[in-house]
């Protein structure tokens, strides 16, 4: 995984270091660097994929002259990758250190970054039917969900059974999920209520569609190396947030959750005190973004002085909302 990211002239992150663990939730006021951090990961992944495909590098005009250095865990022998942008925002990615894989010294970190994904899921896009033959890949905005679900249903009965079982447990008003070809040859999905009504995606709530997308990510045979997702709480009732967190925990800590396959690093943002309440026992998973005089910094919440005493007196979400922990708009 990525252990740290060092930013230089990266928009609001003039000189900042972001510590990362397998599972990370970023909190802080608007403009404090949370989205910028995710944008760095997005840009690194896009640049790595362009390198692998021998394609022209992507351009991020708003990141002209910015730099970010990624330090990896010992699994990649502590390799470092540097993402930089020209005066016109053309991205470049160089790698130092790392083990010597078959593809050369730079291949392992590049491959890892190329497999990273960031999601800003759009319910309207998630609901779309697709032409037959659409590649079963979930895109950044959620395009491709029907193809992913149909592929899992068609190729892996056990994965599909677990997906439907998890969906029924989290959404008890539903009895089943269908995915396959329509009469006109398109790829589509629908859900069946406990009363036997077959509902098309356009009739489903935003939270239901996003939940199906998250379960598709977890159930896919090939997982990303890293997932970034903004506003992890978006579309969900507070009572479902613990379950949503646990879906991502299954990705980051598969062995502890009885899952198979490699671990997936997760970086998410939130503005919800209800989400923070879920991390009272694991504050090391929360990273506080603070902005002062237009300069943003990051701090792991577990490093906040006196945190244990504060948690003995109140819930984490309330402590943050009140401003005691910092990282709120008026500070």
Protein backbone atom coordinates (compact mmCIF):
# COMPACT_ATOMS: atom_id res chain seq x y z
CA UNK A 1 0.00 0.00 0.00
CA UNK A 2 0.93 3.68 -0.02
CA UNK A 3 2.29 4.67 3.40
CA UNK A 4 2.68 8.42 2.84
CA UNK A 5 2.11 11.08 0.20
CA UNK A 6 4.25 14.21 0.31
CA UNK A 7 2.71 17.18 -1.49
CA UNK A 8 4.53 20.20 -2.86
CA UNK A 9 2.75 23.15 -4.47
CA UNK A 10 -0.29 20.89 -4.89
CA UNK A 11 -3.04 23.51 -4.80
CA UNK A 12 -3.92 24.12 -1.12
CA UNK A 13 -1.35 21.49 -0.12
CA UNK A 14 1.75 23.67 -0.44
CA UNK A 15 3.91 21.46 1.78
CA UNK A 16 2.00 18.64 3.47
CA UNK A 17 2.38 14.95 4.27
CA UNK A 18 -0.57 12.58 4.28
CA UNK A 19 -0.04 9.37 6.33
CA UNK A 20 -2.04 6.40 5.08
CA UNK A 21 -2.99 2.99 6.44
CA UNK A 22 -5.06 0.23 4.80
CA UNK A 23 -8.32 2.06 5.59
CA UNK A 24 -8.53 5.86 5.81
CA UNK A 25 -11.32 8.40 6.34
CA UNK A 26 -10.45 12.06 5.77
CA UNK A 27 -12.38 14.73 7.66
CA UNK A 28 -12.08 18.51 7.69
CA UNK A 29 -13.68 21.71 6.40
CA UNK A 30 -14.25 22.51 2.74
CA UNK A 31 -11.05 23.57 1.02
CA UNK A 32 -8.78 21.77 3.49
CA UNK A 33 -7.20 19.41 0.97
CA UNK A 34 -9.34 16.26 1.21
CA UNK A 35 -10.49 16.34 -2.40
CA UNK A 36 -7.05 17.51 -3.51
CA UNK A 37 -5.49 14.43 -1.92
CA UNK A 38 -7.92 12.21 -3.79
CA UNK A 39 -7.18 14.14 -6.97
CA UNK A 40 -3.49 13.31 -6.58
CA UNK A 41 -4.36 9.62 -6.41
CA UNK A 42 -6.67 9.98 -9.42
CA UNK A 43 -3.91 11.68 -11.42
CA UNK A 44 -1.30 9.10 -10.43
CA UNK A 45 -3.58 6.26 -11.48
CA UNK A 46 -4.45 7.89 -14.81
CA UNK A 47 -0.77 8.60 -15.54
CA UNK A 48 0.27 5.05 -14.65
CA UNK A 49 -2.41 3.60 -16.93
CA UNK A 50 -1.22 5.85 -19.76
CA UNK A 51 2.36 4.60 -19.22
CA UNK A 52 1.24 0.98 -19.31
CA UNK A 53 -0.71 1.58 -22.51
CA UNK A 54 2.14 3.61 -24.06
CA UNK A 55 -0.40 6.42 -24.51
CA UNK A 56 0.07 10.21 -24.24
CA UNK A 57 0.17 11.40 -20.61
CA UNK A 58 -2.97 13.01 -19.20
CA UNK A 59 -3.18 16.77 -18.69
CA UNK A 60 -4.39 18.41 -15.47
CA UNK A 61 -4.23 22.14 -16.15
CA UNK A 62 -5.14 23.06 -12.57
CA UNK A 63 -2.13 21.11 -11.24
CA UNK A 64 0.58 22.91 -13.22
CA UNK A 65 3.97 22.70 -11.44
CA UNK A 66 2.57 20.55 -8.64
CA UNK A 67 4.41 17.51 -7.26
CA UNK A 68 3.48 14.55 -5.08
CA UNK A 69 5.76 11.78 -3.85
CA UNK A 70 4.26 8.40 -2.96
CA UNK A 71 6.12 6.15 -0.53
CA UNK A 72 5.11 2.50 -0.61
CA UNK A 73 5.13 -0.19 2.07
CA UNK A 74 7.83 -2.88 2.38
CA UNK A 75 5.75 -5.13 0.08
CA UNK A 76 7.22 -2.98 -2.71
CA UNK A 77 10.55 -2.65 -0.89
CA UNK A 78 9.75 0.90 0.13
CA UNK A 79 9.60 2.14 -3.47
CA UNK A 80 8.82 5.77 -4.14
CA UNK A 81 6.97 7.25 -7.08
CA UNK A 82 6.96 10.94 -7.94
CA UNK A 83 4.08 12.54 -9.79
CA UNK A 84 4.86 15.92 -11.33
CA UNK A 85 3.21 18.32 -13.74
CA UNK A 86 4.69 20.65 -16.32
CA UNK A 87 3.85 24.35 -16.64
CA UNK A 88 0.90 23.34 -18.80
CA UNK A 89 -0.24 20.52 -16.49
CA UNK A 90 1.14 17.55 -18.45
CA UNK A 91 1.60 14.72 -15.94
CA UNK A 92 4.68 12.56 -15.58
CA UNK A 93 5.41 9.69 -13.22
CA UNK A 94 8.84 8.42 -12.20
CA UNK A 95 9.74 5.63 -9.83
CA UNK A 96 12.78 5.13 -7.60
CA UNK A 97 13.58 2.02 -5.58
CA UNK A 98 11.31 -0.99 -5.48
CA UNK A 99 12.00 -4.61 -6.24
CA UNK A 100 13.04 -5.78 -9.67
CA UNK A 101 9.98 -7.43 -11.28
CA UNK A 102 9.99 -9.09 -14.66
CA UNK A 103 8.92 -5.87 -16.34
CA UNK A 104 11.81 -3.79 -15.00
CA UNK A 105 12.55 -1.78 -11.88
CA UNK A 106 9.70 0.66 -12.42
CA UNK A 107 7.01 -1.88 -13.26
CA UNK A 108 5.75 -2.89 -9.80
CA UNK A 109 4.78 0.59 -8.47
CA UNK A 110 3.44 1.58 -11.89
CA UNK A 111 1.29 -1.55 -12.03
CA UNK A 112 0.04 -0.89 -8.50
CA UNK A 113 -0.94 2.72 -9.28
CA UNK A 114 -2.49 1.69 -12.60
CA UNK A 115 -4.87 -0.61 -10.72
CA UNK A 116 -6.12 2.19 -8.43
CA UNK A 117 -9.62 3.55 -8.93
CA UNK A 118 -11.58 6.53 -7.67
CA UNK A 119 -15.36 6.72 -7.66
CA UNK A 120 -17.88 9.54 -7.68
CA UNK A 121 -20.90 7.34 -8.27
CA UNK A 122 -23.82 8.89 -10.13
CA UNK A 123 -27.12 7.05 -9.50
CA UNK A 124 -28.46 8.06 -12.92
CA UNK A 125 -25.43 6.45 -14.56
CA UNK A 126 -25.57 3.37 -12.34
CA UNK A 127 -29.14 2.73 -13.51
CA UNK A 128 -28.36 2.57 -17.24
CA UNK A 129 -28.87 -0.48 -19.41
CA UNK A 130 -25.92 -1.23 -21.67
CA UNK A 131 -25.22 -2.68 -25.09
CA UNK A 132 -24.39 -6.38 -25.18
CA UNK A 133 -20.64 -6.92 -25.05
CA UNK A 134 -19.94 -3.94 -22.79
CA UNK A 135 -16.74 -4.62 -20.84
CA UNK A 136 -17.58 -5.52 -17.21
CA UNK A 137 -15.70 -2.64 -15.60
CA UNK A 138 -17.17 -0.11 -13.19
CA UNK A 139 -16.13 3.35 -14.35
CA UNK A 140 -15.52 6.40 -12.14
CA UNK A 141 -19.11 7.64 -12.37
CA UNK A 142 -20.60 4.15 -12.07
CA UNK A 143 -20.99 3.42 -15.79
CA UNK A 144 -20.88 -0.30 -16.44
CA UNK A 145 -22.69 -1.55 -13.33
CA UNK A 146 -25.17 -3.65 -15.31
CA UNK A 147 -22.30 -5.31 -17.20
CA UNK A 148 -20.40 -6.03 -13.97
CA UNK A 149 -23.44 -7.58 -12.30
CA UNK A 150 -24.30 -9.63 -15.38
CA UNK A 151 -20.71 -10.88 -15.62
CA UNK A 152 -20.60 -12.01 -11.98
CA UNK A 153 -24.02 -13.68 -12.34
CA UNK A 154 -22.97 -15.51 -15.51
CA UNK A 155 -19.45 -16.60 -14.53
CA UNK A 156 -19.34 -17.19 -10.75
CA UNK A 157 -22.36 -18.63 -8.97
CA UNK A 158 -20.77 -18.50 -5.53
CA UNK A 159 -19.77 -14.82 -5.80
CA UNK A 160 -23.25 -14.00 -7.07
CA UNK A 161 -24.86 -15.89 -4.20
CA UNK A 162 -22.81 -13.93 -1.65
CA UNK A 163 -23.61 -10.61 -3.37
CA UNK A 164 -27.35 -11.27 -3.34
CA UNK A 165 -27.21 -12.55 0.24
CA UNK A 166 -25.43 -9.39 1.41
CA UNK A 167 -27.89 -7.19 -0.49
CA UNK A 168 -30.88 -8.95 1.07
CA UNK A 169 -29.39 -8.63 4.54
CA UNK A 170 -28.73 -4.90 4.15
CA UNK A 171 -31.97 -4.17 2.28
CA UNK A 172 -34.54 -6.58 3.80
CA UNK A 173 -37.36 -5.15 1.68
CA UNK A 174 -35.79 -6.92 -1.31
CA UNK A 175 -35.73 -10.66 -2.00
CA UNK A 176 -33.52 -11.00 -5.07
CA UNK A 177 -31.39 -9.34 -7.74
CA UNK A 178 -31.67 -10.20 -11.43
CA UNK A 179 -28.98 -9.47 -14.02
CA UNK A 180 -28.85 -10.54 -17.66
CA UNK A 181 -29.91 -9.78 -21.21
CA UNK A 182 -33.15 -8.00 -22.07
CA UNK A 183 -35.42 -9.07 -24.94
CA UNK A 184 -33.78 -6.44 -27.17
CA UNK A 185 -30.30 -7.77 -26.39
CA UNK A 186 -29.12 -5.17 -23.90
CA UNK A 187 -27.53 -5.84 -20.50
CA UNK A 188 -29.63 -4.80 -17.50
CA UNK A 189 -30.43 -5.57 -13.88
CA UNK A 190 -33.44 -5.31 -11.60
CA UNK A 191 -34.38 -6.14 -8.03
CA UNK A 192 -37.34 -8.08 -6.67
CA UNK A 193 -39.19 -6.98 -3.54
CA UNK A 194 -40.33 -9.42 -0.87
CA UNK A 195 -43.84 -8.97 -2.27
CA UNK A 196 -42.72 -10.13 -5.70
CA UNK A 197 -42.56 -6.79 -7.54
CA UNK A 198 -39.76 -6.54 -10.08
CA UNK A 199 -38.29 -3.02 -9.91
CA UNK A 200 -36.19 -1.51 -12.66
CA UNK A 201 -33.13 0.60 -11.69
CA UNK A 202 -34.91 3.87 -12.49
CA UNK A 203 -37.34 3.07 -9.65
CA UNK A 204 -34.62 2.43 -7.06
CA UNK A 205 -33.32 4.92 -4.52
CA UNK A 206 -29.89 6.49 -4.77
CA UNK A 207 -28.70 4.51 -1.76
CA UNK A 208 -29.91 1.20 -3.20
CA UNK A 209 -28.04 1.79 -6.45
CA UNK A 210 -24.84 2.86 -4.71
CA UNK A 211 -25.03 -0.15 -2.39
CA UNK A 212 -25.30 -2.49 -5.39
CA UNK A 213 -22.24 -0.80 -6.89
CA UNK A 214 -20.22 -1.24 -3.68
CA UNK A 215 -21.21 -4.89 -3.45
CA UNK A 216 -20.20 -5.35 -7.10
CA UNK A 217 -16.76 -3.90 -6.32
CA UNK A 218 -16.33 -6.24 -3.34
CA UNK A 219 -17.60 -9.25 -5.29
CA UNK A 220 -15.56 -8.74 -8.46
CA UNK A 221 -12.85 -11.39 -8.96
CA UNK A 222 -10.27 -8.73 -9.82
CA UNK A 223 -10.16 -5.89 -7.31
CA UNK A 224 -8.40 -2.52 -7.56
CA UNK A 225 -5.20 -1.92 -5.58
CA UNK A 226 -6.74 1.22 -4.09
CA UNK A 227 -10.21 2.76 -3.98
CA UNK A 228 -10.93 6.46 -3.42
CA UNK A 229 -14.49 7.56 -2.74
CA UNK A 230 -15.79 10.99 -1.80
CA UNK A 231 -18.49 11.41 0.83
CA UNK A 232 -18.77 7.77 1.83
CA UNK A 233 -22.12 8.53 3.47
CA UNK A 234 -23.80 9.88 0.33
CA UNK A 235 -27.25 8.42 -0.24
CA UNK A 236 -27.35 6.26 2.89
CA UNK A 237 -29.52 6.44 5.98
CA UNK A 238 -27.36 6.79 9.14
CA UNK A 239 -28.46 3.33 10.27
CA UNK A 240 -26.76 1.81 7.20
CA UNK A 241 -23.43 3.58 7.64
CA UNK A 242 -21.89 0.89 9.84
CA UNK A 243 -22.68 -1.70 7.17
CA UNK A 244 -21.20 0.53 4.47
CA UNK A 245 -18.04 0.94 6.53
CA UNK A 246 -17.85 -2.81 6.97
CA UNK A 247 -18.08 -3.34 3.20
CA UNK A 248 -14.93 -1.28 2.79
CA UNK A 249 -13.28 -2.97 5.78
CA UNK A 250 -13.78 -6.27 3.97
CA UNK A 251 -11.66 -4.86 1.17
CA UNK A 252 -8.88 -3.46 3.36
CA UNK A 253 -8.67 -6.36 5.84
CA UNK A 254 -9.83 -9.44 3.90
CA UNK A 255 -8.16 -12.04 6.12
CA UNK A 256 -9.69 -10.60 9.30
CA UNK A 257 -13.11 -10.60 7.64
CA UNK A 258 -12.85 -14.16 6.30
CA UNK A 259 -12.40 -12.97 2.72
CA UNK A 260 -9.98 -14.25 0.11
CA UNK A 261 -7.91 -12.21 -2.30
CA UNK A 262 -5.47 -9.31 -1.89
CA UNK A 263 -6.17 -6.35 0.36
CA UNK A 264 -7.43 -3.11 -1.18
CA UNK A 265 -6.35 0.22 0.27
CA UNK A 266 -9.29 2.58 0.83
CA UNK A 267 -9.21 6.39 1.07
CA UNK A 268 -12.60 8.04 1.68
CA UNK A 269 -13.84 11.46 2.73
CA UNK A 270 -16.79 12.36 4.91
CA UNK A 271 -18.56 15.34 6.48
CA UNK A 272 -20.83 13.17 8.59
CA UNK A 273 -20.53 13.01 12.40
CA UNK A 274 -22.52 9.76 12.17
CA UNK A 275 -19.68 8.21 10.15
CA UNK A 276 -17.11 9.43 12.67
CA UNK A 277 -19.02 7.83 15.52
CA UNK A 278 -18.10 4.48 13.95
CA UNK A 279 -14.40 5.11 14.56
CA UNK A 280 -14.35 5.87 18.27
CA UNK A 281 -12.43 2.62 18.85
CA UNK A 282 -10.13 3.05 15.83
CA UNK A 283 -9.22 6.77 15.60
CA UNK A 284 -6.05 5.76 13.76
CA UNK A 285 -8.27 5.21 10.71
CA UNK A 286 -9.31 8.89 10.69
CA UNK A 287 -7.17 11.69 9.27
CA UNK A 288 -7.92 15.28 10.21
CA UNK A 289 -7.37 17.94 7.53
CA UNK A 290 -6.81 21.41 8.93
CA UNK A 291 -6.56 24.69 7.04
CA UNK A 292 -4.90 27.81 8.41
CA UNK A 293 -3.94 30.90 6.41
CA UNK A 294 -4.77 29.08 3.16
CA UNK A 295 -2.32 26.27 3.99
CA UNK A 296 -3.63 22.78 4.70
CA UNK A 297 -2.06 20.01 6.78
CA UNK A 298 -2.98 16.46 7.78
CA UNK A 299 -2.86 14.72 11.15
CA UNK A 300 -3.91 11.24 12.16
CA UNK A 301 -6.72 11.62 14.70
CA UNK A 302 -5.05 9.16 17.07
CA UNK A 303 -2.14 11.64 17.36
CA UNK A 304 -4.35 14.45 18.71
CA UNK A 305 -3.16 15.20 22.29
CA UNK A 306 -5.59 14.08 25.00
CA UNK A 307 -7.87 12.21 22.59
CA UNK A 308 -8.49 9.29 24.98
CA UNK A 309 -9.70 11.65 27.70
CA UNK A 310 -11.97 13.44 25.24
CA UNK A 311 -13.46 10.17 23.99
CA UNK A 312 -14.27 9.17 27.56
CA UNK A 313 -16.52 12.22 27.76
CA UNK A 314 -18.32 12.14 24.42
CA UNK A 315 -18.82 10.56 21.03
CA UNK A 316 -16.27 11.19 18.31
CA UNK A 317 -18.79 12.76 15.91
CA UNK A 318 -19.97 15.21 18.57
CA UNK A 319 -16.41 16.11 19.53
CA UNK A 320 -15.54 16.91 15.93
CA UNK A 321 -18.78 18.80 15.24
CA UNK A 322 -18.22 20.96 18.32
CA UNK A 323 -14.77 22.02 17.10
CA UNK A 324 -12.86 20.55 20.05
CA UNK A 325 -10.77 18.40 17.70
CA UNK A 326 -10.23 21.16 15.13
CA UNK A 327 -10.77 20.76 11.42
CA UNK A 328 -13.99 22.79 11.26
CA UNK A 329 -14.82 25.78 9.03
CA UNK A 330 -14.59 28.55 11.65
CA UNK A 331 -11.07 27.66 12.82
